[in-house]
Amino acid sequence: VKKAQGGWRIVHAYNKLNDATVPAQTPIPRKDVIIDSMALSTIFSALDLRDGFYQILMRESDIPLTAVSTPSGMLWEWLVMPQGLKNAPATFNRCATHLLRSVRDFAPSYFDDVFIHSRAVDGKSEVEMHKEHHRRLFALMRKHKIYANLKKCIFGSSEIPVLGCLVGKNSVRPDPGKVRVINEWPTPSNVKELRQFLGLATYLCKYVSNYAGKIRQGLLPESI
């Protein structure tokens, strides 16, 4: 699979293995909780964990289960967790959440994203607190050998992208790119196209007061 930033992502079709796998019962972090935790912060950073799945070693007894056939006719087994396994996302999320638990108050994680947020406290400036938070996070990452993709990291910004939104000082706003796509979407000409547009426009529901009522009113015939 071609990556948005260039390069390739190797994904295998472990259909039979996934069918025989018991789904992991790991809760996904709530986006609203992560965003709400940044409410009083004034300076932000965002880290992207590099090749997250590949930072987790496979259990030795499970390595043979990851065998894949290659064009050369040979079988290759993964020593690290490959992409395509049913429980890979949940396993990585559980690992990242556990290892970074001690800094979650100022550096919550969501799968391979870590968001650092700070504000002035106890006579220390926002920059001083932000540096301190980075030091504590980096110490944990160094201890557990967690690596970040420097090209996709943002440091010391007044606003950062967070799970489809832009979070800054006293503000959460929609991504302008997503709003532009909605604005430029062709006018629906049938029910199927209307449903597609409404599904796309749902992204704005948390930013628009009484969104459902306004949409419903716009869909009613003028005579009603």
C-alpha atoms as a PDB file:
ATOM      1  CA  VAL A   1       0.000   0.000   0.000  1.00  0.00           C
ATOM      2  CA  LYS A   2       1.431   3.403  -1.008  1.00  0.00           C
ATOM      3  CA  LYS A   3       1.964   5.748   1.946  1.00  0.00           C
ATOM      4  CA  ALA A   4       0.740   9.345   1.793  1.00  0.00           C
ATOM      5  CA  GLN A   5       4.242  10.580   2.686  1.00  0.00           C
ATOM      6  CA  GLY A   6       5.940   8.286   0.157  1.00  0.00           C
ATOM      7  CA  GLY A   7       7.298   4.781   0.508  1.00  0.00           C
ATOM      8  CA  TRP A   8       5.329   1.570   0.844  1.00  0.00           C
ATOM      9  CA  ARG A   9       3.420  -0.143   3.645  1.00  0.00           C
ATOM     10  CA  ILE A  10       3.584  -3.947   3.587  1.00  0.00           C
ATOM     11  CA  VAL A  11       0.202  -5.478   4.444  1.00  0.00           C
ATOM     12  CA  HIS A  12      -0.504  -9.215   4.304  1.00  0.00           C
ATOM     13  CA  ALA A  13      -3.863 -10.969   3.916  1.00  0.00           C
ATOM     14  CA  TYR A  14      -3.949 -13.250   6.948  1.00  0.00           C
ATOM     15  CA  ASN A  15      -7.587 -14.180   6.294  1.00  0.00           C
ATOM     16  CA  LYS A  16      -7.589 -17.718   7.723  1.00  0.00           C
ATOM     17  CA  LEU A  17      -5.394 -16.751  10.667  1.00  0.00           C
ATOM     18  CA  ASN A  18      -7.633 -13.775  11.462  1.00  0.00           C
ATOM     19  CA  ASP A  19     -10.762 -15.948  11.269  1.00  0.00           C
ATOM     20  CA  ALA A  20      -9.260 -18.196  13.954  1.00  0.00           C
ATOM     21  CA  THR A  21      -8.138 -15.285  16.141  1.00  0.00           C
ATOM     22  CA  VAL A  22     -10.074 -14.261  19.258  1.00  0.00           C
ATOM     23  CA  PRO A  23     -10.639 -10.466  18.984  1.00  0.00           C
ATOM     24  CA  ALA A  24      -8.734  -8.397  21.536  1.00  0.00           C
ATOM     25  CA  GLN A  25     -10.936  -6.692  24.124  1.00  0.00           C
ATOM     26  CA  THR A  26      -8.921  -3.493  24.284  1.00  0.00           C
ATOM     27  CA  PRO A  27     -10.848  -0.193  24.484  1.00  0.00           C
ATOM     28  CA  ILE A  28      -9.874   2.489  21.986  1.00  0.00           C
ATOM     29  CA  PRO A  29      -8.978   5.865  23.560  1.00  0.00           C
ATOM     30  CA  ARG A  30     -11.860   8.332  23.293  1.00  0.00           C
ATOM     31  CA  LYS A  31     -11.082  11.233  20.994  1.00  0.00           C
ATOM     32  CA  ASP A  32     -13.241  13.680  22.950  1.00  0.00           C
ATOM     33  CA  VAL A  33     -11.420  12.842  26.197  1.00  0.00           C
ATOM     34  CA  ILE A  34      -8.029  13.458  24.569  1.00  0.00           C
ATOM     35  CA  ILE A  35      -9.131  16.774  23.074  1.00  0.00           C
ATOM     36  CA  ASP A  36     -10.847  17.925  26.288  1.00  0.00           C
ATOM     37  CA  SER A  37      -7.655  17.241  28.258  1.00  0.00           C
ATOM     38  CA  MET A  38      -5.920  19.949  26.204  1.00  0.00           C
ATOM     39  CA  ALA A  39      -8.492  22.618  27.037  1.00  0.00           C
ATOM     40  CA  LEU A  40      -6.284  24.859  29.211  1.00  0.00           C
ATOM     41  CA  SER A  41      -3.005  24.324  27.352  1.00  0.00           C
ATOM     42  CA  THR A  42      -1.260  27.025  25.327  1.00  0.00           C
ATOM     43  CA  ILE A  43       1.621  25.248  23.581  1.00  0.00           C
ATOM     44  CA  PHE A  44       1.537  21.932  21.754  1.00  0.00           C
ATOM     45  CA  SER A  45       3.639  19.264  20.061  1.00  0.00           C
ATOM     46  CA  ALA A  46       2.730  16.107  18.145  1.00  0.00           C
ATOM     47  CA  LEU A  47       4.831  12.973  17.682  1.00  0.00           C
ATOM     48  CA  ASP A  48       4.339  10.197  15.159  1.00  0.00           C
ATOM     49  CA  LEU A  49       5.716   6.847  16.329  1.00  0.00           C
ATOM     50  CA  ARG A  50       7.782   5.342  13.542  1.00  0.00           C
ATOM     51  CA  ASP A  51       6.580   2.029  12.067  1.00  0.00           C
ATOM     52  CA  GLY A  52       4.627   1.357  15.235  1.00  0.00           C
ATOM     53  CA  PHE A  53       3.777  -2.289  14.600  1.00  0.00           C
ATOM     54  CA  TYR A  54       7.401  -3.106  13.815  1.00  0.00           C
ATOM     55  CA  GLN A  55       8.461  -1.903  17.263  1.00  0.00           C
ATOM     56  CA  ILE A  56       6.717  -4.899  18.855  1.00  0.00           C
ATOM     57  CA  LEU A  57       8.414  -8.314  18.801  1.00  0.00           C
ATOM     58  CA  MET A  58       6.347 -11.382  17.980  1.00  0.00           C
ATOM     59  CA  ARG A  59       6.031 -14.060  20.631  1.00  0.00           C
ATOM     60  CA  GLU A  60       8.446 -16.816  19.599  1.00  0.00           C
ATOM     61  CA  SER A  61       5.738 -19.491  19.443  1.00  0.00           C
ATOM     62  CA  ASP A  62       3.641 -17.284  17.123  1.00  0.00           C
ATOM     63  CA  ILE A  63       6.397 -16.483  14.614  1.00  0.00           C
ATOM     64  CA  PRO A  64       5.608 -19.500  12.347  1.00  0.00           C
ATOM     65  CA  LEU A  65       2.006 -18.264  12.050  1.00  0.00           C
ATOM     66  CA  THR A  66       3.221 -15.105  10.285  1.00  0.00           C
ATOM     67  CA  ALA A  67       4.855 -17.005   7.401  1.00  0.00           C
ATOM     68  CA  VAL A  68       4.136 -15.511   3.961  1.00  0.00           C
ATOM     69  CA  SER A  69       4.973 -16.743   0.483  1.00  0.00           C
ATOM     70  CA  THR A  70       7.301 -14.537  -1.571  1.00  0.00           C
ATOM     71  CA  PRO A  71       7.739 -14.260  -5.368  1.00  0.00           C
ATOM     72  CA  SER A  72      10.979 -16.239  -5.030  1.00  0.00           C
ATOM     73  CA  GLY A  73       8.998 -19.213  -3.731  1.00  0.00           C
ATOM     74  CA  MET A  74      10.437 -18.955  -0.229  1.00  0.00           C
ATOM     75  CA  LEU A  75       8.503 -18.543   3.006  1.00  0.00           C
ATOM     76  CA  TRP A  76       9.384 -15.597   5.226  1.00  0.00           C
ATOM     77  CA  GLU A  77       8.424 -15.309   8.879  1.00  0.00           C
ATOM     78  CA  TRP A  78       8.048 -12.043  10.755  1.00  0.00           C
ATOM     79  CA  LEU A  79      10.061 -11.468  13.929  1.00  0.00           C
ATOM     80  CA  VAL A  80       8.144  -8.236  14.557  1.00  0.00           C
ATOM     81  CA  MET A  81       4.399  -7.692  14.393  1.00  0.00           C
ATOM     82  CA  PRO A  82       3.310  -7.370  10.733  1.00  0.00           C
ATOM     83  CA  GLN A  83       0.395  -5.349   9.418  1.00  0.00           C
ATOM     84  CA  GLY A  84      -2.663  -7.375   8.513  1.00  0.00           C
ATOM     85  CA  LEU A  85      -3.147  -9.282  11.765  1.00  0.00           C
ATOM     86  CA  LYS A  86      -6.591  -8.770  13.309  1.00  0.00           C
ATOM     87  CA  ASN A  87      -5.302  -7.822  16.743  1.00  0.00           C
ATOM     88  CA  ALA A  88      -2.247  -5.833  15.626  1.00  0.00           C
ATOM     89  CA  PRO A  89      -3.820  -2.350  16.072  1.00  0.00           C
ATOM     90  CA  ALA A  90      -5.239  -3.223  19.498  1.00  0.00           C
ATOM     91  CA  THR A  91      -1.950  -4.796  20.593  1.00  0.00           C
ATOM     92  CA  PHE A  92       0.065  -1.752  19.588  1.00  0.00           C
ATOM     93  CA  ASN A  93      -2.413   0.657  21.185  1.00  0.00           C
ATOM     94  CA  ARG A  94      -2.388  -1.322  24.446  1.00  0.00           C
ATOM     95  CA  CYS A  95       1.413  -1.373  24.447  1.00  0.00           C
ATOM     96  CA  ALA A  96       1.778   2.373  23.791  1.00  0.00           C
ATOM     97  CA  THR A  97      -0.877   3.250  26.382  1.00  0.00           C
ATOM     98  CA  HIS A  98       0.778   1.071  29.018  1.00  0.00           C
ATOM     99  CA  LEU A  99       4.352   2.246  28.421  1.00  0.00           C
ATOM    100  CA  LEU A 100       3.385   5.941  28.350  1.00  0.00           C
ATOM    101  CA  ARG A 101       0.829   5.773  31.167  1.00  0.00           C
ATOM    102  CA  SER A 102       2.902   7.888  33.567  1.00  0.00           C
ATOM    103  CA  VAL A 103       2.849  10.901  31.197  1.00  0.00           C
ATOM    104  CA  ARG A 104      -0.704  10.635  29.888  1.00  0.00           C
ATOM    105  CA  ASP A 105      -1.807  13.769  31.796  1.00  0.00           C
ATOM    106  CA  PHE A 106       0.230  15.917  29.395  1.00  0.00           C
ATOM    107  CA  ALA A 107       1.097  13.447  26.609  1.00  0.00           C
ATOM    108  CA  PRO A 108      -1.915  11.270  25.734  1.00  0.00           C
ATOM    109  CA  SER A 109      -1.437   8.701  22.978  1.00  0.00           C
ATOM    110  CA  TYR A 110      -3.792   7.456  20.277  1.00  0.00           C
ATOM    111  CA  PHE A 111      -2.315   4.430  18.500  1.00  0.00           C
ATOM    112  CA  ASP A 112       0.882   5.811  16.878  1.00  0.00           C
ATOM    113  CA  ASP A 113       0.189   9.480  17.692  1.00  0.00           C
ATOM    114  CA  VAL A 114       1.339  11.228  20.876  1.00  0.00           C
ATOM    115  CA  PHE A 115       0.135  14.755  21.684  1.00  0.00           C
ATOM    116  CA  ILE A 116       2.106  16.891  24.163  1.00  0.00           C
ATOM    117  CA  HIS A 117       0.349  19.932  25.636  1.00  0.00           C
ATOM    118  CA  SER A 118       1.520  22.372  28.298  1.00  0.00           C
ATOM    119  CA  ARG A 119       0.742  25.665  30.008  1.00  0.00           C
ATOM    120  CA  ALA A 120       2.452  27.989  32.481  1.00  0.00           C
ATOM    121  CA  VAL A 121       2.339  26.517  36.013  1.00  0.00           C
ATOM    122  CA  ASP A 122       3.830  27.485  39.397  1.00  0.00           C
ATOM    123  CA  GLY A 123       5.910  30.360  38.069  1.00  0.00           C
ATOM    124  CA  LYS A 124       7.281  28.342  35.144  1.00  0.00           C
ATOM    125  CA  SER A 125       6.561  29.613  31.635  1.00  0.00           C
ATOM    126  CA  GLU A 126       4.706  27.525  29.077  1.00  0.00           C
ATOM    127  CA  VAL A 127       7.980  26.896  27.225  1.00  0.00           C
ATOM    128  CA  GLU A 128       9.745  25.684  30.381  1.00  0.00           C
ATOM    129  CA  MET A 129       6.879  23.325  31.187  1.00  0.00           C
ATOM    130  CA  HIS A 130       6.789  22.101  27.593  1.00  0.00           C
ATOM    131  CA  LYS A 131      10.515  21.307  27.674  1.00  0.00           C
ATOM    132  CA  GLU A 132      10.075  19.452  30.953  1.00  0.00           C
ATOM    133  CA  HIS A 133       7.215  17.416  29.513  1.00  0.00           C
ATOM    134  CA  HIS A 134       9.316  16.539  26.467  1.00  0.00           C
ATOM    135  CA  ARG A 135      12.213  15.413  28.661  1.00  0.00           C
ATOM    136  CA  ARG A 136       9.962  13.087  30.664  1.00  0.00           C
ATOM    137  CA  LEU A 137       8.358  11.655  27.527  1.00  0.00           C
ATOM    138  CA  PHE A 138      11.664  11.187  25.703  1.00  0.00           C
ATOM    139  CA  ALA A 139      13.154   9.470  28.770  1.00  0.00           C
ATOM    140  CA  LEU A 140      10.334   6.916  28.649  1.00  0.00           C
ATOM    141  CA  MET A 141      10.694   6.448  24.897  1.00  0.00           C
ATOM    142  CA  ARG A 142      14.441   5.928  25.275  1.00  0.00           C
ATOM    143  CA  LYS A 143      13.914   3.434  28.104  1.00  0.00           C
ATOM    144  CA  HIS A 144      11.419   1.353  26.129  1.00  0.00           C
ATOM    145  CA  LYS A 145      13.115   1.843  22.724  1.00  0.00           C
ATOM    146  CA  ILE A 146      10.143   3.633  21.164  1.00  0.00           C
ATOM    147  CA  TYR A 147      11.120   5.633  18.091  1.00  0.00           C
ATOM    148  CA  ALA A 148       9.461   8.639  16.427  1.00  0.00           C
ATOM    149  CA  ASN A 149       9.360   9.738  12.799  1.00  0.00           C
ATOM    150  CA  LEU A 150      11.038  13.160  12.962  1.00  0.00           C
ATOM    151  CA  LYS A 151       9.684  14.228   9.547  1.00  0.00           C
ATOM    152  CA  LYS A 152       6.095  13.942  10.806  1.00  0.00           C
ATOM    153  CA  CYS A 153       6.623  15.529  14.239  1.00  0.00           C
ATOM    154  CA  ILE A 154       5.576  19.057  15.244  1.00  0.00           C
ATOM    155  CA  PHE A 155       7.287  20.853  18.142  1.00  0.00           C
ATOM    156  CA  GLY A 156       6.323  23.919  20.184  1.00  0.00           C
ATOM    157  CA  SER A 157       3.379  25.023  18.055  1.00  0.00           C
ATOM    158  CA  SER A 158       0.389  27.175  18.960  1.00  0.00           C
ATOM    159  CA  GLU A 159      -1.862  24.712  17.112  1.00  0.00           C
ATOM    160  CA  ILE A 160      -1.579  21.065  16.040  1.00  0.00           C
ATOM    161  CA  PRO A 161      -3.751  18.576  14.144  1.00  0.00           C
ATOM    162  CA  VAL A 162      -5.418  16.165  16.553  1.00  0.00           C
ATOM    163  CA  LEU A 163      -7.515  13.291  15.222  1.00  0.00           C
ATOM    164  CA  GLY A 164      -9.124  15.221  12.381  1.00  0.00           C
ATOM    165  CA  CYS A 165      -9.344  18.552  14.242  1.00  0.00           C
ATOM    166  CA  LEU A 166      -7.027  21.486  14.830  1.00  0.00           C
ATOM    167  CA  VAL A 167      -6.440  22.114  18.540  1.00  0.00           C
ATOM    168  CA  GLY A 168      -4.921  25.364  19.779  1.00  0.00           C
ATOM    169  CA  LYS A 169      -5.094  27.826  22.651  1.00  0.00           C
ATOM    170  CA  ASN A 170      -8.760  28.073  23.723  1.00  0.00           C
ATOM    171  CA  SER A 171      -9.943  26.616  20.427  1.00  0.00           C
ATOM    172  CA  VAL A 172     -10.868  23.455  18.575  1.00  0.00           C
ATOM    173  CA  ARG A 173     -11.717  23.941  14.934  1.00  0.00           C
ATOM    174  CA  PRO A 174     -12.337  21.738  11.904  1.00  0.00           C
ATOM    175  CA  ASP A 175      -9.558  20.930   9.478  1.00  0.00           C
ATOM    176  CA  PRO A 176      -9.757  23.519   6.639  1.00  0.00           C
ATOM    177  CA  GLY A 177      -8.864  20.808   4.126  1.00  0.00           C
ATOM    178  CA  LYS A 178     -11.854  18.693   5.124  1.00  0.00           C
ATOM    179  CA  VAL A 179     -14.151  21.732   5.093  1.00  0.00           C
ATOM    180  CA  ARG A 180     -12.941  22.629   1.608  1.00  0.00           C
ATOM    181  CA  VAL A 181     -13.787  19.133   0.346  1.00  0.00           C
ATOM    182  CA  ILE A 182     -17.330  19.482   1.726  1.00  0.00           C
ATOM    183  CA  ASN A 183     -17.773  22.964   0.217  1.00  0.00           C
ATOM    184  CA  GLU A 184     -16.564  21.807  -3.192  1.00  0.00           C
ATOM    185  CA  TRP A 185     -18.642  18.622  -3.232  1.00  0.00           C
ATOM    186  CA  PRO A 186     -21.009  18.507  -6.240  1.00  0.00           C
ATOM    187  CA  THR A 187     -24.685  19.179  -5.547  1.00  0.00           C
ATOM    188  CA  PRO A 188     -26.433  15.790  -5.055  1.00  0.00           C
ATOM    189  CA  SER A 189     -28.858  14.870  -7.844  1.00  0.00           C
ATOM    190  CA  ASN A 190     -30.363  11.693  -6.383  1.00  0.00           C
ATOM    191  CA  VAL A 191     -30.920   9.911  -3.075  1.00  0.00           C
ATOM    192  CA  LYS A 192     -27.698   7.895  -3.267  1.00  0.00           C
ATOM    193  CA  GLU A 193     -25.566  10.995  -3.847  1.00  0.00           C
ATOM    194  CA  LEU A 194     -27.441  12.836  -1.081  1.00  0.00           C
ATOM    195  CA  ARG A 195     -26.661  10.060   1.394  1.00  0.00           C
ATOM    196  CA  GLN A 196     -22.998  10.170   0.379  1.00  0.00           C
ATOM    197  CA  PHE A 197     -22.874  13.919   0.952  1.00  0.00           C
ATOM    198  CA  LEU A 198     -24.655  13.717   4.315  1.00  0.00           C
ATOM    199  CA  GLY A 199     -22.199  11.048   5.435  1.00  0.00           C
ATOM    200  CA  LEU A 200     -19.325  13.339   4.484  1.00  0.00           C
ATOM    201  CA  ALA A 201     -20.890  16.428   6.067  1.00  0.00           C
ATOM    202  CA  THR A 202     -21.417  14.616   9.381  1.00  0.00           C
ATOM    203  CA  TYR A 203     -17.795  15.587  10.125  1.00  0.00           C
ATOM    204  CA  LEU A 204     -19.104  19.105  10.887  1.00  0.00           C
ATOM    205  CA  CYS A 205     -21.864  18.062  13.306  1.00  0.00           C
ATOM    206  CA  LYS A 206     -19.806  18.760  16.452  1.00  0.00           C
ATOM    207  CA  TYR A 207     -18.961  22.267  15.244  1.00  0.00           C
ATOM    208  CA  VAL A 208     -22.498  23.324  14.244  1.00  0.00           C
ATOM    209  CA  SER A 209     -25.193  24.047  16.825  1.00  0.00           C
ATOM    210  CA  ASN A 210     -28.361  22.000  16.203  1.00  0.00           C
ATOM    211  CA  TYR A 211     -26.733  20.352  13.182  1.00  0.00           C
ATOM    212  CA  ALA A 212     -29.360  17.608  12.861  1.00  0.00           C
ATOM    213  CA  GLY A 213     -32.235  20.102  13.013  1.00  0.00           C
ATOM    214  CA  LYS A 214     -30.729  22.313  10.331  1.00  0.00           C
ATOM    215  CA  ILE A 215     -30.081  19.355   8.029  1.00  0.00           C
ATOM    216  CA  ARG A 216     -33.597  18.025   8.574  1.00  0.00           C
ATOM    217  CA  GLN A 217     -35.153  21.414   7.842  1.00  0.00           C
ATOM    218  CA  GLY A 218     -33.158  21.742   4.636  1.00  0.00           C
ATOM    219  CA  LEU A 219     -34.386  18.349   3.406  1.00  0.00           C
ATOM    220  CA  LEU A 220     -38.085  19.005   4.013  1.00  0.00           C
ATOM    221  CA  PRO A 221     -40.255  20.138   1.067  1.00  0.00           C
ATOM    222  CA  GLU A 222     -41.008  23.865   1.136  1.00  0.00           C
ATOM    223  CA  SER A 223     -44.726  23.179   1.557  1.00  0.00           C
ATOM    224  CA  ILE A 224     -44.208  21.489   4.944  1.00  0.00           C
END
